[in-house]
Protein backbone atom coordinates (compact mmCIF):
# COMPACT_ATOMS: atom_id res chain seq x y z
CA MET A 1 -20.30 -25.92 8.72
CA LYS A 2 -18.95 -22.54 9.63
CA ARG A 3 -18.51 -21.50 13.24
CA ILE A 4 -20.15 -18.12 13.79
CA ALA A 5 -19.42 -15.82 16.75
CA ILE A 6 -22.51 -13.88 17.77
CA GLY A 7 -22.94 -11.11 20.29
CA ALA A 8 -25.29 -8.32 21.26
CA ASP A 9 -26.00 -5.71 23.85
CA HIS A 10 -29.31 -5.53 25.71
CA ALA A 11 -31.07 -3.91 22.72
CA GLY A 12 -30.10 -6.83 20.51
CA TYR A 13 -30.54 -9.63 23.06
CA ALA A 14 -33.95 -10.94 21.90
CA ALA A 15 -32.94 -10.77 18.24
CA LYS A 16 -29.63 -12.51 19.02
CA GLN A 17 -31.48 -15.35 20.69
CA ALA A 18 -33.79 -15.83 17.71
CA LEU A 19 -30.93 -15.53 15.24
CA ALA A 20 -28.77 -18.03 17.13
CA GLU A 21 -31.62 -20.54 17.11
CA HIS A 22 -32.14 -20.01 13.37
CA LEU A 23 -28.42 -20.48 12.66
CA CYS A 24 -28.27 -23.68 14.71
CA GLN A 25 -31.26 -25.03 12.77
CA ARG A 26 -29.38 -24.29 9.54
CA GLY A 27 -26.40 -26.31 10.77
CA TYR A 28 -24.01 -23.55 11.80
CA GLN A 29 -21.95 -23.83 14.96
CA VAL A 30 -22.94 -20.79 17.02
CA HIS A 31 -20.46 -19.33 19.50
CA ASP A 32 -22.74 -17.16 21.65
CA LEU A 33 -20.66 -14.52 23.41
CA GLY A 34 -23.54 -12.74 25.14
CA THR A 35 -25.18 -10.77 26.46
CA PHE A 36 -27.41 -13.29 28.16
CA SER A 37 -30.29 -11.05 29.29
CA ASP A 38 -31.98 -7.79 28.42
CA GLU A 39 -30.37 -5.94 31.35
CA SER A 40 -28.46 -2.84 30.30
CA VAL A 41 -24.84 -3.54 29.29
CA ASP A 42 -22.10 -1.77 27.32
CA TYR A 43 -22.00 -2.83 23.65
CA PRO A 44 -18.19 -2.36 23.30
CA ASP A 45 -17.59 -5.31 25.63
CA PHE A 46 -19.44 -7.72 23.35
CA ALA A 47 -18.34 -6.22 20.05
CA VAL A 48 -14.64 -6.48 20.87
CA THR A 49 -15.03 -10.06 22.11
CA VAL A 50 -16.72 -11.18 18.88
CA ALA A 51 -14.21 -9.25 16.74
CA ARG A 52 -11.24 -10.79 18.53
CA CYS A 53 -12.63 -14.30 18.08
CA VAL A 54 -12.98 -13.71 14.35
CA ALA A 55 -9.59 -11.99 14.01
CA SER A 56 -7.84 -14.85 15.82
CA GLY A 57 -9.48 -17.48 13.61
CA GLU A 58 -11.34 -19.08 16.50
CA ASP A 59 -14.55 -18.29 14.60
CA GLU A 60 -14.91 -17.90 10.84
CA LEU A 61 -17.37 -15.01 10.83
CA GLY A 62 -19.14 -12.81 13.35
CA ILE A 63 -22.55 -11.26 13.81
CA LEU A 64 -23.18 -8.32 16.14
CA LEU A 65 -26.39 -6.60 17.13
CA CYS A 66 -27.14 -3.42 19.04
CA GLY A 67 -29.93 -0.89 18.73
CA SER A 68 -28.70 0.62 15.47
CA GLY A 69 -25.70 -1.55 14.52
CA ILE A 70 -23.55 1.58 14.46
CA GLY A 71 -21.86 1.25 17.84
CA VAL A 72 -20.87 -2.39 17.43
CA SER A 73 -19.54 -1.75 13.92
CA ILE A 74 -17.33 1.10 15.13
CA VAL A 75 -15.91 -1.08 17.90
CA ALA A 76 -15.41 -4.19 15.76
CA ASN A 77 -13.52 -2.20 13.14
CA LYS A 78 -10.98 -1.15 15.79
CA VAL A 79 -9.71 -4.77 15.89
CA THR A 80 -6.94 -5.48 13.40
CA GLY A 81 -8.08 -7.80 10.62
CA ILE A 82 -11.77 -7.06 11.02
CA ARG A 83 -13.91 -5.72 8.25
CA ALA A 84 -17.26 -5.12 9.93
CA ALA A 85 -20.20 -3.94 7.85
CA ASN A 86 -23.40 -2.46 9.25
CA CYS A 87 -26.02 -3.77 6.86
CA CYS A 88 -29.72 -2.99 6.63
CA SER A 89 -30.72 -5.21 3.69
CA PRO A 90 -29.85 -8.63 2.31
CA GLU A 91 -28.29 -6.97 -0.76
CA MET A 92 -25.96 -4.84 1.39
CA ALA A 93 -24.94 -7.95 3.34
CA ARG A 94 -24.30 -9.95 0.18
CA LEU A 95 -22.19 -7.15 -1.31
CA ALA A 96 -20.27 -6.67 1.93
CA ARG A 97 -19.06 -10.28 1.64
CA GLN A 98 -18.66 -10.37 -2.15
CA HIS A 99 -16.85 -7.05 -2.63
CA ASN A 100 -15.36 -6.15 0.75
CA ASP A 101 -14.67 -9.60 2.23
CA ALA A 102 -16.49 -8.42 5.37
CA ASN A 103 -16.02 -10.88 8.21
CA VAL A 104 -18.37 -9.35 10.79
CA LEU A 105 -22.00 -8.44 10.09
CA CYS A 106 -23.49 -5.70 12.24
CA MET A 107 -27.21 -4.97 12.44
CA GLY A 108 -29.64 -2.71 14.25
CA ALA A 109 -32.12 -4.75 16.25
CA ARG A 110 -34.33 -1.72 16.88
CA LEU A 111 -34.51 -0.95 13.16
CA HIS A 112 -35.60 -4.29 11.72
CA PRO A 113 -38.05 -7.06 12.59
CA THR A 114 -36.50 -10.42 13.41
CA ASP A 115 -37.42 -11.99 10.06
CA GLN A 116 -35.53 -9.24 8.25
CA LEU A 117 -32.48 -9.66 10.52
CA ILE A 118 -32.55 -13.36 9.67
CA ALA A 119 -32.76 -12.60 5.92
CA ILE A 120 -29.83 -10.17 6.17
CA SER A 121 -27.78 -12.74 8.10
CA ASP A 122 -28.58 -15.53 5.65
CA ALA A 123 -27.47 -13.36 2.72
CA PHE A 124 -24.21 -12.52 4.51
CA LEU A 125 -23.43 -16.13 5.40
CA GLU A 126 -24.31 -17.54 1.98
CA ALA A 127 -22.18 -15.06 0.02
CA THR A 128 -18.47 -15.48 -0.66
CA PHE A 129 -15.70 -13.06 -1.51
CA GLU A 130 -15.33 -12.64 -5.27
CA GLY A 131 -11.63 -11.72 -5.20
CA GLY A 132 -10.27 -10.25 -8.44
CA ARG A 133 -10.36 -6.46 -8.50
CA HIS A 134 -11.98 -6.52 -5.07
CA ARG A 135 -8.93 -8.24 -3.54
CA ARG A 136 -6.76 -5.32 -4.57
CA ARG A 137 -9.13 -2.92 -2.83
CA VAL A 138 -9.27 -4.99 0.36
CA GLU A 139 -5.47 -5.10 0.39
CA LYS A 140 -5.43 -1.32 0.21
CA ILE A 141 -7.68 -1.23 3.27
CA HIS A 142 -5.31 -3.58 5.11
CA SER A 143 -2.31 -1.45 4.20
CA LEU A 144 -3.80 1.39 6.22
CA THR A 145 -3.56 -0.55 9.48
CA GLY A 146 -0.93 -3.17 8.78
CA ARG A 147 -3.69 -5.80 8.91
């Protein structure tokens, strides 16, 4: 099964814990990169760590949570080779993988109940990149940063 890097700030801590447990039950290897409590922390620290693990190939995909999903997505997309998508529905998550070859899912823990975060994550992890015309578009994205 896929190895998934997961991280969150304090706002996403409880959701991260529930999501990690769900993923383990589904057979995924979960690489939990913190945070490990609900004490206030800085989301960039966790977002960059998850993004670097995915970009290096240590983990196949990543999942990040913060209050809105916006902050962690901005940070993750600063790492070369990362295509982080902030998704608020299973359909968005599925399309992010199928059309954009997204490799990091970002979500807002304060915006969705845990069961919805799980449904969004499941859709992301179950989808695969369709290639074809989408590959050309992803390559154009890469050409902007040199990968």
